[in-house]
Amino acid sequence: MYYMYVLKGHMQRQLYIGSTNDLRRRLDEHAHAKSPYTSKANDWQLVYYEAYKNREDARERERMLKTFGSATATSRNASRVQ
């Protein structure tokens, strides 16, 4: 089984989107600062996940959500400039 997951950092108000074939192991890595991005804080919590039968589907969903998040952030920043 493969997973796409979303973590939320409460102090930074940030989201982390990832994928893995072992969700428990990956969450443990995030909790023990073994991931460069999430090592900056220790308050990450799993807020959502989806299970897939193959790696490609999980990675595609991860990319889709990351692209959507970037587009939303860019849109918000552009509206502030105008």
PDB file of N, CA and C in Angstrom:
ATOM      1  N   MET A   1       0.849  -1.177   0.000  1.00  0.00           N
ATOM      2  CA  MET A   1       0.000   0.000   0.000  1.00  0.00           C
ATOM      3  C   MET A   1       0.894   1.240   0.000  1.00  0.00           C
ATOM      4  N   TYR A   2       0.458   2.275  -0.670  1.00  0.00           N
ATOM      5  CA  TYR A   2       1.172   3.557  -0.738  1.00  0.00           C
ATOM      6  C   TYR A   2       0.235   4.650  -0.251  1.00  0.00           C
ATOM      7  N   TYR A   3       0.817   5.687   0.293  1.00  0.00           N
ATOM      8  CA  TYR A   3       0.022   6.738   0.920  1.00  0.00           C
ATOM      9  C   TYR A   3       0.459   8.122   0.477  1.00  0.00           C
ATOM     10  N   MET A   4      -0.501   9.001   0.322  1.00  0.00           N
ATOM     11  CA  MET A   4      -0.276  10.436   0.194  1.00  0.00           C
ATOM     12  C   MET A   4      -0.810  10.994   1.505  1.00  0.00           C
ATOM     13  N   TYR A   5      -0.054  11.886   2.134  1.00  0.00           N
ATOM     14  CA  TYR A   5      -0.465  12.389   3.442  1.00  0.00           C
ATOM     15  C   TYR A   5      -0.221  13.886   3.567  1.00  0.00           C
ATOM     16  N   VAL A   6      -0.935  14.490   4.505  1.00  0.00           N
ATOM     17  CA  VAL A   6      -0.799  15.921   4.771  1.00  0.00           C
ATOM     18  C   VAL A   6      -0.559  16.101   6.263  1.00  0.00           C
ATOM     19  N   LEU A   7       0.503  16.834   6.587  1.00  0.00           N
ATOM     20  CA  LEU A   7       0.808  17.200   7.963  1.00  0.00           C
ATOM     21  C   LEU A   7       0.551  18.677   8.143  1.00  0.00           C
ATOM     22  N   LYS A   8       0.158  19.068   9.322  1.00  0.00           N
ATOM     23  CA  LYS A   8      -0.044  20.484   9.622  1.00  0.00           C
ATOM     24  C   LYS A   8       0.830  20.856  10.801  1.00  0.00           C
ATOM     25  N   GLY A   9       1.558  21.955  10.638  1.00  0.00           N
ATOM     26  CA  GLY A   9       2.356  22.512  11.727  1.00  0.00           C
ATOM     27  C   GLY A   9       1.568  23.641  12.368  1.00  0.00           C
ATOM     28  N   HIS A  10       1.183  23.471  13.607  1.00  0.00           N
ATOM     29  CA  HIS A  10       0.322  24.459  14.261  1.00  0.00           C
ATOM     30  C   HIS A  10       1.034  25.790  14.518  1.00  0.00           C
ATOM     31  N   MET A  11       2.271  25.754  14.939  1.00  0.00           N
ATOM     32  CA  MET A  11       2.976  27.002  15.246  1.00  0.00           C
ATOM     33  C   MET A  11       3.279  27.805  13.968  1.00  0.00           C
ATOM     34  N   GLN A  12       3.681  27.118  12.911  1.00  0.00           N
ATOM     35  CA  GLN A  12       4.034  27.819  11.674  1.00  0.00           C
ATOM     36  C   GLN A  12       2.841  28.012  10.748  1.00  0.00           C
ATOM     37  N   ARG A  13       1.740  27.353  11.047  1.00  0.00           N
ATOM     38  CA  ARG A  13       0.562  27.399  10.172  1.00  0.00           C
ATOM     39  C   ARG A  13       0.918  26.977   8.753  1.00  0.00           C
ATOM     40  N   GLN A  14       1.695  25.917   8.667  1.00  0.00           N
ATOM     41  CA  GLN A  14       2.127  25.403   7.373  1.00  0.00           C
ATOM     42  C   GLN A  14       1.600  23.996   7.169  1.00  0.00           C
ATOM     43  N   LEU A  15       1.565  23.585   5.898  1.00  0.00           N
ATOM     44  CA  LEU A  15       1.205  22.221   5.534  1.00  0.00           C
ATOM     45  C   LEU A  15       2.403  21.552   4.886  1.00  0.00           C
ATOM     46  N   TYR A  16       2.529  20.279   5.114  1.00  0.00           N
ATOM     47  CA  TYR A  16       3.538  19.460   4.451  1.00  0.00           C
ATOM     48  C   TYR A  16       2.795  18.331   3.759  1.00  0.00           C
ATOM     49  N   ILE A  17       3.046  18.152   2.475  1.00  0.00           N
ATOM     50  CA  ILE A  17       2.401  17.109   1.682  1.00  0.00           C
ATOM     51  C   ILE A  17       3.477  16.139   1.229  1.00  0.00           C
ATOM     52  N   GLY A  18       3.248  14.851   1.455  1.00  0.00           N
ATOM     53  CA  GLY A  18       4.227  13.852   1.070  1.00  0.00           C
ATOM     54  C   GLY A  18       3.573  12.552   0.667  1.00  0.00           C
ATOM     55  N   SER A  19       4.416  11.588   0.280  1.00  0.00           N
ATOM     56  CA  SER A  19       3.927  10.252  -0.044  1.00  0.00           C
ATOM     57  C   SER A  19       4.952   9.242   0.450  1.00  0.00           C
ATOM     58  N   THR A  20       4.482   8.027   0.734  1.00  0.00           N
ATOM     59  CA  THR A  20       5.341   6.987   1.278  1.00  0.00           C
ATOM     60  C   THR A  20       4.689   5.623   1.123  1.00  0.00           C
ATOM     61  N   ASN A  21       5.484   4.586   1.296  1.00  0.00           N
ATOM     62  CA  ASN A  21       4.929   3.226   1.301  1.00  0.00           C
ATOM     63  C   ASN A  21       4.778   2.704   2.737  1.00  0.00           C
ATOM     64  N   ASP A  22       5.213   3.490   3.721  1.00  0.00           N
ATOM     65  CA  ASP A  22       5.107   3.093   5.126  1.00  0.00           C
ATOM     66  C   ASP A  22       4.759   4.337   5.946  1.00  0.00           C
ATOM     67  N   LEU A  23       3.478   4.566   6.121  1.00  0.00           N
ATOM     68  CA  LEU A  23       3.020   5.801   6.756  1.00  0.00           C
ATOM     69  C   LEU A  23       3.494   5.909   8.204  1.00  0.00           C
ATOM     70  N   ARG A  24       3.441   4.843   8.966  1.00  0.00           N
ATOM     71  CA  ARG A  24       3.888   4.897  10.366  1.00  0.00           C
ATOM     72  C   ARG A  24       5.365   5.259  10.480  1.00  0.00           C
ATOM     73  N   ARG A  25       6.199   4.627   9.641  1.00  0.00           N
ATOM     74  CA  ARG A  25       7.630   4.923   9.655  1.00  0.00           C
ATOM     75  C   ARG A  25       7.883   6.386   9.291  1.00  0.00           C
ATOM     76  N   ARG A  26       7.196   6.850   8.257  1.00  0.00           N
ATOM     77  CA  ARG A  26       7.407   8.224   7.796  1.00  0.00           C
ATOM     78  C   ARG A  26       6.962   9.240   8.844  1.00  0.00           C
ATOM     79  N   LEU A  27       5.856   8.982   9.516  1.00  0.00           N
ATOM     80  CA  LEU A  27       5.409   9.887  10.578  1.00  0.00           C
ATOM     81  C   LEU A  27       6.420   9.903  11.719  1.00  0.00           C
ATOM     82  N   ASP A  28       7.001   8.741  12.023  1.00  0.00           N
ATOM     83  CA  ASP A  28       8.037   8.672  13.055  1.00  0.00           C
ATOM     84  C   ASP A  28       9.262   9.489  12.640  1.00  0.00           C
ATOM     85  N   GLU A  29       9.631   9.425  11.368  1.00  0.00           N
ATOM     86  CA  GLU A  29      10.766  10.221  10.872  1.00  0.00           C
ATOM     87  C   GLU A  29      10.487  11.711  11.019  1.00  0.00           C
ATOM     88  N   HIS A  30       9.282  12.131  10.706  1.00  0.00           N
ATOM     89  CA  HIS A  30       8.932  13.546  10.881  1.00  0.00           C
ATOM     90  C   HIS A  30       8.973  13.938  12.356  1.00  0.00           C
ATOM     91  N   ALA A  31       8.475  13.071  13.214  1.00  0.00           N
ATOM     92  CA  ALA A  31       8.431  13.359  14.654  1.00  0.00           C
ATOM     93  C   ALA A  31       9.826  13.456  15.257  1.00  0.00           C
ATOM     94  N   HIS A  32      10.795  12.766  14.668  1.00  0.00           N
ATOM     95  CA  HIS A  32      12.157  12.768  15.216  1.00  0.00           C
ATOM     96  C   HIS A  32      13.130  13.578  14.351  1.00  0.00           C
ATOM     97  N   ALA A  33      12.602  14.556  13.630  1.00  0.00           N
ATOM     98  CA  ALA A  33      13.401  15.520  12.858  1.00  0.00           C
ATOM     99  C   ALA A  33      14.350  14.863  11.859  1.00  0.00           C
ATOM    100  N   LYS A  34      13.898  13.802  11.194  1.00  0.00           N
ATOM    101  CA  LYS A  34      14.717  13.134  10.187  1.00  0.00           C
ATOM    102  C   LYS A  34      14.379  13.587   8.777  1.00  0.00           C
ATOM    103  N   SER A  35      13.532  14.577   8.662  1.00  0.00           N
ATOM    104  CA  SER A  35      13.173  15.154   7.371  1.00  0.00           C
ATOM    105  C   SER A  35      13.609  16.617   7.388  1.00  0.00           C
ATOM    106  N   PRO A  36      14.405  17.054   6.415  1.00  0.00           N
ATOM    107  CA  PRO A  36      14.913  18.432   6.444  1.00  0.00           C
ATOM    108  C   PRO A  36      13.826  19.506   6.587  1.00  0.00           C
ATOM    109  N   TYR A  37      12.740  19.379   5.856  1.00  0.00           N
ATOM    110  CA  TYR A  37      11.704  20.415   5.892  1.00  0.00           C
ATOM    111  C   TYR A  37      10.985  20.452   7.229  1.00  0.00           C
ATOM    112  N   THR A  38      10.602  19.287   7.729  1.00  0.00           N
ATOM    113  CA  THR A  38       9.812  19.256   8.957  1.00  0.00           C
ATOM    114  C   THR A  38      10.669  19.275  10.217  1.00  0.00           C
ATOM    115  N   SER A  39      11.977  19.215  10.081  1.00  0.00           N
ATOM    116  CA  SER A  39      12.844  19.224  11.263  1.00  0.00           C
ATOM    117  C   SER A  39      12.884  20.587  11.939  1.00  0.00           C
ATOM    118  N   LYS A  40      12.404  21.617  11.276  1.00  0.00           N
ATOM    119  CA  LYS A  40      12.424  22.974  11.836  1.00  0.00           C
ATOM    120  C   LYS A  40      11.401  23.156  12.953  1.00  0.00           C
ATOM    121  N   ALA A  41      10.486  22.218  13.088  1.00  0.00           N
ATOM    122  CA  ALA A  41       9.457  22.307  14.132  1.00  0.00           C
ATOM    123  C   ALA A  41       9.115  20.892  14.590  1.00  0.00           C
ATOM    124  N   ASN A  42       8.549  20.786  15.755  1.00  0.00           N
ATOM    125  CA  ASN A  42       8.198  19.458  16.259  1.00  0.00           C
ATOM    126  C   ASN A  42       6.712  19.321  16.553  1.00  0.00           C
ATOM    127  N   ASP A  43       5.919  20.173  15.962  1.00  0.00           N
ATOM    128  CA  ASP A  43       4.480  20.147  16.256  1.00  0.00           C
ATOM    129  C   ASP A  43       3.640  19.656  15.072  1.00  0.00           C
ATOM    130  N   TRP A  44       4.225  18.877  14.181  1.00  0.00           N
ATOM    131  CA  TRP A  44       3.512  18.384  13.010  1.00  0.00           C
ATOM    132  C   TRP A  44       2.517  17.309  13.403  1.00  0.00           C
ATOM    133  N   GLN A  45       1.312  17.422  12.837  1.00  0.00           N
ATOM    134  CA  GLN A  45       0.271  16.429  13.097  1.00  0.00           C
ATOM    135  C   GLN A  45      -0.335  15.975  11.780  1.00  0.00           C
ATOM    136  N   LEU A  46      -0.613  14.682  11.696  1.00  0.00           N
ATOM    137  CA  LEU A  46      -1.278  14.130  10.521  1.00  0.00           C
ATOM    138  C   LEU A  46      -2.720  14.622  10.507  1.00  0.00           C
ATOM    139  N   VAL A  47      -3.106  15.291   9.417  1.00  0.00           N
ATOM    140  CA  VAL A  47      -4.482  15.792   9.318  1.00  0.00           C
ATOM    141  C   VAL A  47      -5.279  15.092   8.217  1.00  0.00           C
ATOM    142  N   TYR A  48      -4.561  14.380   7.308  1.00  0.00           N
ATOM    143  CA  TYR A  48      -5.270  13.733   6.204  1.00  0.00           C
ATOM    144  C   TYR A  48      -4.347  12.731   5.524  1.00  0.00           C
ATOM    145  N   TYR A  49      -4.916  11.641   5.022  1.00  0.00           N
ATOM    146  CA  TYR A  49      -4.151  10.733   4.179  1.00  0.00           C
ATOM    147  C   TYR A  49      -5.086   9.971   3.252  1.00  0.00           C
ATOM    148  N   GLU A  50      -4.512   9.482   2.168  1.00  0.00           N
ATOM    149  CA  GLU A  50      -5.218   8.653   1.205  1.00  0.00           C
ATOM    150  C   GLU A  50      -4.347   7.435   0.906  1.00  0.00           C
ATOM    151  N   ALA A  51      -4.960   6.274   0.722  1.00  0.00           N
ATOM    152  CA  ALA A  51      -4.236   5.039   0.424  1.00  0.00           C
ATOM    153  C   ALA A  51      -4.401   4.668  -1.046  1.00  0.00           C
ATOM    154  N   TYR A  52      -3.318   4.175  -1.641  1.00  0.00           N
ATOM    155  CA  TYR A  52      -3.304   3.784  -3.055  1.00  0.00           C
ATOM    156  C   TYR A  52      -2.654   2.422  -3.208  1.00  0.00           C
ATOM    157  N   LYS A  53      -3.017   1.731  -4.272  1.00  0.00           N
ATOM    158  CA  LYS A  53      -2.439   0.418  -4.543  1.00  0.00           C
ATOM    159  C   LYS A  53      -1.061   0.503  -5.171  1.00  0.00           C
ATOM    160  N   ASN A  54      -0.771   1.627  -5.841  1.00  0.00           N
ATOM    161  CA  ASN A  54       0.552   1.746  -6.458  1.00  0.00           C
ATOM    162  C   ASN A  54       1.179   3.109  -6.186  1.00  0.00           C
ATOM    163  N   ARG A  55       2.497   3.119  -6.272  1.00  0.00           N
ATOM    164  CA  ARG A  55       3.296   4.310  -5.953  1.00  0.00           C
ATOM    165  C   ARG A  55       2.967   5.480  -6.880  1.00  0.00           C
ATOM    166  N   GLU A  56       2.795   5.201  -8.154  1.00  0.00           N
ATOM    167  CA  GLU A  56       2.568   6.259  -9.133  1.00  0.00           C
ATOM    168  C   GLU A  56       1.307   7.069  -8.808  1.00  0.00           C
ATOM    169  N   ASP A  57       0.243   6.394  -8.393  1.00  0.00           N
ATOM    170  CA  ASP A  57      -0.996   7.114  -8.057  1.00  0.00           C
ATOM    171  C   ASP A  57      -0.809   8.000  -6.827  1.00  0.00           C
ATOM    172  N   ALA A  58      -0.108   7.486  -5.823  1.00  0.00           N
ATOM    173  CA  ALA A  58       0.141   8.288  -4.618  1.00  0.00           C
ATOM    174  C   ALA A  58       0.999   9.504  -4.946  1.00  0.00           C
ATOM    175  N   ARG A  59       2.029   9.323  -5.752  1.00  0.00           N
ATOM    176  CA  ARG A  59       2.903  10.438  -6.131  1.00  0.00           C
ATOM    177  C   ARG A  59       2.170  11.462  -6.998  1.00  0.00           C
ATOM    178  N   GLU A  60       1.317  10.987  -7.894  1.00  0.00           N
ATOM    179  CA  GLU A  60       0.544  11.895  -8.743  1.00  0.00           C
ATOM    180  C   GLU A  60      -0.385  12.770  -7.892  1.00  0.00           C
ATOM    181  N   ARG A  61      -1.030  12.153  -6.916  1.00  0.00           N
ATOM    182  CA  ARG A  61      -1.919  12.926  -6.026  1.00  0.00           C
ATOM    183  C   ARG A  61      -1.112  13.933  -5.213  1.00  0.00           C
ATOM    184  N   GLU A  62       0.071  13.521  -4.744  1.00  0.00           N
ATOM    185  CA  GLU A  62       0.957  14.443  -4.018  1.00  0.00           C
ATOM    186  C   GLU A  62       1.305  15.644  -4.901  1.00  0.00           C
ATOM    187  N   ARG A  63       1.713  15.379  -6.119  1.00  0.00           N
ATOM    188  CA  ARG A  63       2.065  16.476  -7.039  1.00  0.00           C
ATOM    189  C   ARG A  63       0.876  17.383  -7.308  1.00  0.00           C
ATOM    190  N   MET A  64      -0.304  16.791  -7.475  1.00  0.00           N
ATOM    191  CA  MET A  64      -1.501  17.584  -7.743  1.00  0.00           C
ATOM    192  C   MET A  64      -1.786  18.538  -6.576  1.00  0.00           C
ATOM    193  N   LEU A  65      -1.723  18.033  -5.357  1.00  0.00           N
ATOM    194  CA  LEU A  65      -1.986  18.892  -4.201  1.00  0.00           C
ATOM    195  C   LEU A  65      -0.915  19.962  -4.026  1.00  0.00           C
ATOM    196  N   LYS A  66       0.341  19.612  -4.284  1.00  0.00           N
ATOM    197  CA  LYS A  66       1.414  20.602  -4.171  1.00  0.00           C
ATOM    198  C   LYS A  66       1.241  21.690  -5.227  1.00  0.00           C
ATOM    199  N   THR A  67       0.864  21.311  -6.428  1.00  0.00           N
ATOM    200  CA  THR A  67       0.629  22.290  -7.491  1.00  0.00           C
ATOM    201  C   THR A  67      -0.537  23.195  -7.126  1.00  0.00           C
ATOM    202  N   PHE A  68      -1.606  22.619  -6.613  1.00  0.00           N
ATOM    203  CA  PHE A  68      -2.764  23.409  -6.195  1.00  0.00           C
ATOM    204  C   PHE A  68      -2.371  24.377  -5.087  1.00  0.00           C
ATOM    205  N   GLY A  69      -1.593  23.915  -4.116  1.00  0.00           N
ATOM    206  CA  GLY A  69      -1.152  24.774  -3.018  1.00  0.00           C
ATOM    207  C   GLY A  69      -0.297  25.921  -3.510  1.00  0.00           C
ATOM    208  N   SER A  70       0.591  25.655  -4.465  1.00  0.00           N
ATOM    209  CA  SER A  70       1.435  26.710  -5.023  1.00  0.00           C
ATOM    210  C   SER A  70       0.604  27.724  -5.782  1.00  0.00           C
ATOM    211  N   ALA A  71      -0.370  27.246  -6.518  1.00  0.00           N
ATOM    212  CA  ALA A  71      -1.236  28.154  -7.282  1.00  0.00           C
ATOM    213  C   ALA A  71      -2.050  29.025  -6.333  1.00  0.00           C
ATOM    214  N   THR A  72      -2.530  28.463  -5.248  1.00  0.00           N
ATOM    215  CA  THR A  72      -3.309  29.229  -4.272  1.00  0.00           C
ATOM    216  C   THR A  72      -2.440  30.285  -3.608  1.00  0.00           C
ATOM    217  N   ALA A  73      -1.224  29.910  -3.217  1.00  0.00           N
ATOM    218  CA  ALA A  73      -0.319  30.863  -2.569  1.00  0.00           C
ATOM    219  C   ALA A  73       0.062  31.985  -3.529  1.00  0.00           C
ATOM    220  N   THR A  74       0.327  31.633  -4.787  1.00  0.00           N
ATOM    221  CA  THR A  74       0.678  32.639  -5.788  1.00  0.00           C
ATOM    222  C   THR A  74      -0.490  33.587  -6.004  1.00  0.00           C
ATOM    223  N   SER A  75      -1.687  33.063  -6.062  1.00  0.00           N
ATOM    224  CA  SER A  75      -2.879  33.879  -6.243  1.00  0.00           C
ATOM    225  C   SER A  75      -3.063  34.840  -5.068  1.00  0.00           C
ATOM    226  N   ARG A  76      -2.872  34.357  -3.855  1.00  0.00           N
ATOM    227  CA  ARG A  76      -3.009  35.221  -2.679  1.00  0.00           C
ATOM    228  C   ARG A  76      -1.970  36.334  -2.691  1.00  0.00           C
ATOM    229  N   ASN A  77      -0.724  35.989  -3.030  1.00  0.00           N
ATOM    230  CA  ASN A  77       0.338  36.991  -3.064  1.00  0.00           C
ATOM    231  C   ASN A  77       0.089  38.025  -4.160  1.00  0.00           C
ATOM    232  N   ALA A  78      -0.400  37.579  -5.309  1.00  0.00           N
ATOM    233  CA  ALA A  78      -0.676  38.499  -6.410  1.00  0.00           C
ATOM    234  C   ALA A  78      -1.783  39.468  -6.032  1.00  0.00           C
ATOM    235  N   SER A  79      -2.797  39.000  -5.311  1.00  0.00           N
ATOM    236  CA  SER A  79      -3.890  39.881  -4.946  1.00  0.00           C
ATOM    237  C   SER A  79      -3.451  40.919  -3.914  1.00  0.00           C
ATOM    238  N   ARG A  80      -2.446  40.607  -3.123  1.00  0.00           N
ATOM    239  CA  ARG A  80      -1.919  41.580  -2.156  1.00  0.00           C
ATOM    240  C   ARG A  80      -1.146  42.703  -2.829  1.00  0.00           C
ATOM    241  N   VAL A  81      -0.490  42.366  -3.951  1.00  0.00           N
ATOM    242  CA  VAL A  81       0.319  43.355  -4.663  1.00  0.00           C
ATOM    243  C   VAL A  81      -0.547  44.365  -5.369  1.00  0.00           C
ATOM    244  N   GLN A  82      -1.700  43.937  -5.851  1.00  0.00           N
ATOM    245  CA  GLN A  82      -2.540  44.824  -6.668  1.00  0.00           C
ATOM    246  C   GLN A  82      -3.199  45.894  -5.874  1.00  0.00           C
TER     247      GLN A  82
END
